[in-house]
Amino acid sequence: MAGTRCGGRPVEALGSAGVRIPGELSGVGVDDHDLSRLFDLTTVAQPVRERGRIAARRLVAWAISEQPPETNVVTVPTHLLVRGTTAPPDPCPR
């Protein structure tokens, strides 16, 4: 798995080397950057801006109170966008 901004490069390089994607290998990125659509990269989409807002609010609250937040776990919704870089394993690899 790779960040989507760099995830397309390995997919492209492996394809140039003759690796069938999907087929022999599947590729998945994270954050659904615009490049994921360019490379037809399957992606775990997440609300990047919302994550930034949450982090900034927590940091400001910590600075004001001078005490760390009670929890270090924050959950945001994600969803899988299946595109052309994933498939079931090939039953007859070469």
Protein backbone atom coordinates (compact mmCIF):
# COMPACT_ATOMS: atom_id res chain seq x y z
CA MET A 1 0.00 0.00 0.00
CA ALA A 2 1.31 3.47 -0.76
CA GLY A 3 0.23 7.05 -0.50
CA THR A 4 -1.62 7.85 -3.71
CA ARG A 5 0.79 10.61 -4.73
CA CYS A 6 3.58 8.06 -5.05
CA GLY A 7 1.47 4.92 -5.47
CA GLY A 8 1.12 5.27 -9.22
CA ARG A 9 4.85 5.22 -9.86
CA PRO A 10 5.46 1.67 -8.60
CA VAL A 11 2.38 0.48 -10.48
CA GLU A 12 3.73 2.08 -13.67
CA ALA A 13 7.28 0.75 -13.13
CA LEU A 14 6.10 -2.78 -12.38
CA GLY A 15 3.86 -2.74 -15.44
CA SER A 16 6.83 -1.61 -17.57
CA ALA A 17 8.83 -4.54 -16.14
CA GLY A 18 6.17 -6.97 -17.34
CA VAL A 19 4.35 -7.51 -14.05
CA ARG A 20 0.62 -7.78 -14.68
CA ILE A 21 -1.32 -5.37 -12.47
CA PRO A 22 -3.80 -6.59 -11.52
CA GLY A 23 -3.17 -10.28 -12.00
CA GLU A 24 0.22 -11.01 -10.55
CA LEU A 25 0.07 -8.10 -8.13
CA SER A 26 -2.56 -5.67 -6.84
CA GLY A 27 -1.86 -2.10 -5.84
CA VAL A 28 -3.73 0.11 -3.37
CA GLY A 29 -3.19 3.76 -2.46
CA VAL A 30 -4.46 5.89 0.39
CA ASP A 31 -6.32 9.24 0.38
CA ASP A 32 -7.80 9.32 -3.16
CA HIS A 33 -5.51 12.02 -4.50
CA ASP A 34 -6.28 13.18 -8.05
CA LEU A 35 -3.41 11.03 -9.33
CA SER A 36 -5.23 7.88 -8.21
CA ARG A 37 -7.75 8.43 -10.99
CA LEU A 38 -4.96 9.05 -13.51
CA PHE A 39 -3.32 5.72 -12.66
CA ASP A 40 -6.69 3.96 -12.15
CA LEU A 41 -5.36 3.14 -8.66
CA THR A 42 -7.63 1.41 -6.14
CA THR A 43 -7.69 3.68 -3.10
CA VAL A 44 -8.76 3.82 0.53
CA ALA A 45 -10.43 7.23 0.52
CA GLN A 46 -10.35 9.28 3.69
CA PRO A 47 -11.33 12.86 4.56
CA VAL A 48 -7.84 14.41 4.48
CA ARG A 49 -9.02 17.97 5.15
CA GLU A 50 -11.18 16.81 8.06
CA ARG A 51 -8.20 14.96 9.54
CA GLY A 52 -6.19 18.18 9.31
CA ARG A 53 -8.95 20.18 11.02
CA ILE A 54 -9.20 17.63 13.83
CA ALA A 55 -5.43 17.65 14.33
CA ALA A 56 -5.30 21.47 14.38
CA ARG A 57 -8.15 21.73 16.90
CA ARG A 58 -6.53 19.14 19.16
CA LEU A 59 -3.17 20.90 18.95
CA VAL A 60 -4.67 24.29 19.82
CA ALA A 61 -6.67 22.79 22.70
CA TRP A 62 -3.49 21.14 23.99
CA ALA A 63 -1.56 24.41 23.76
CA ILE A 64 -4.27 26.32 25.63
CA SER A 65 -4.77 23.75 28.39
CA GLU A 66 -1.11 22.70 28.56
CA GLN A 67 -2.35 19.13 28.99
CA PRO A 68 -2.28 16.44 26.32
CA PRO A 69 -5.62 15.20 24.98
CA GLU A 70 -7.27 12.39 26.94
CA THR A 71 -7.23 10.06 23.95
CA ASN A 72 -4.82 9.62 21.09
CA VAL A 73 -7.30 7.72 18.92
CA VAL A 74 -9.49 9.60 16.48
CA THR A 75 -11.54 7.67 13.95
CA VAL A 76 -12.66 9.14 10.64
CA PRO A 77 -14.77 7.43 8.00
CA THR A 78 -13.02 5.72 5.09
CA HIS A 79 -14.22 3.79 2.08
CA LEU A 80 -12.63 1.64 -0.58
CA LEU A 81 -12.72 2.89 -4.17
CA VAL A 82 -12.03 -0.16 -6.31
CA ARG A 83 -10.38 0.73 -9.60
CA GLY A 84 -8.18 -1.09 -12.08
CA THR A 85 -5.20 -2.04 -9.89
CA THR A 86 -6.84 -4.78 -7.83
CA ALA A 87 -8.26 -8.18 -8.70
CA PRO A 88 -8.49 -11.67 -7.22
CA PRO A 89 -5.22 -13.60 -7.36
CA ASP A 90 -4.42 -15.29 -10.65
CA PRO A 91 -5.07 -19.05 -10.20
CA CYS A 92 -2.40 -19.86 -12.79
CA PRO A 93 0.58 -17.55 -12.23
CA ARG A 94 3.26 -17.71 -14.90
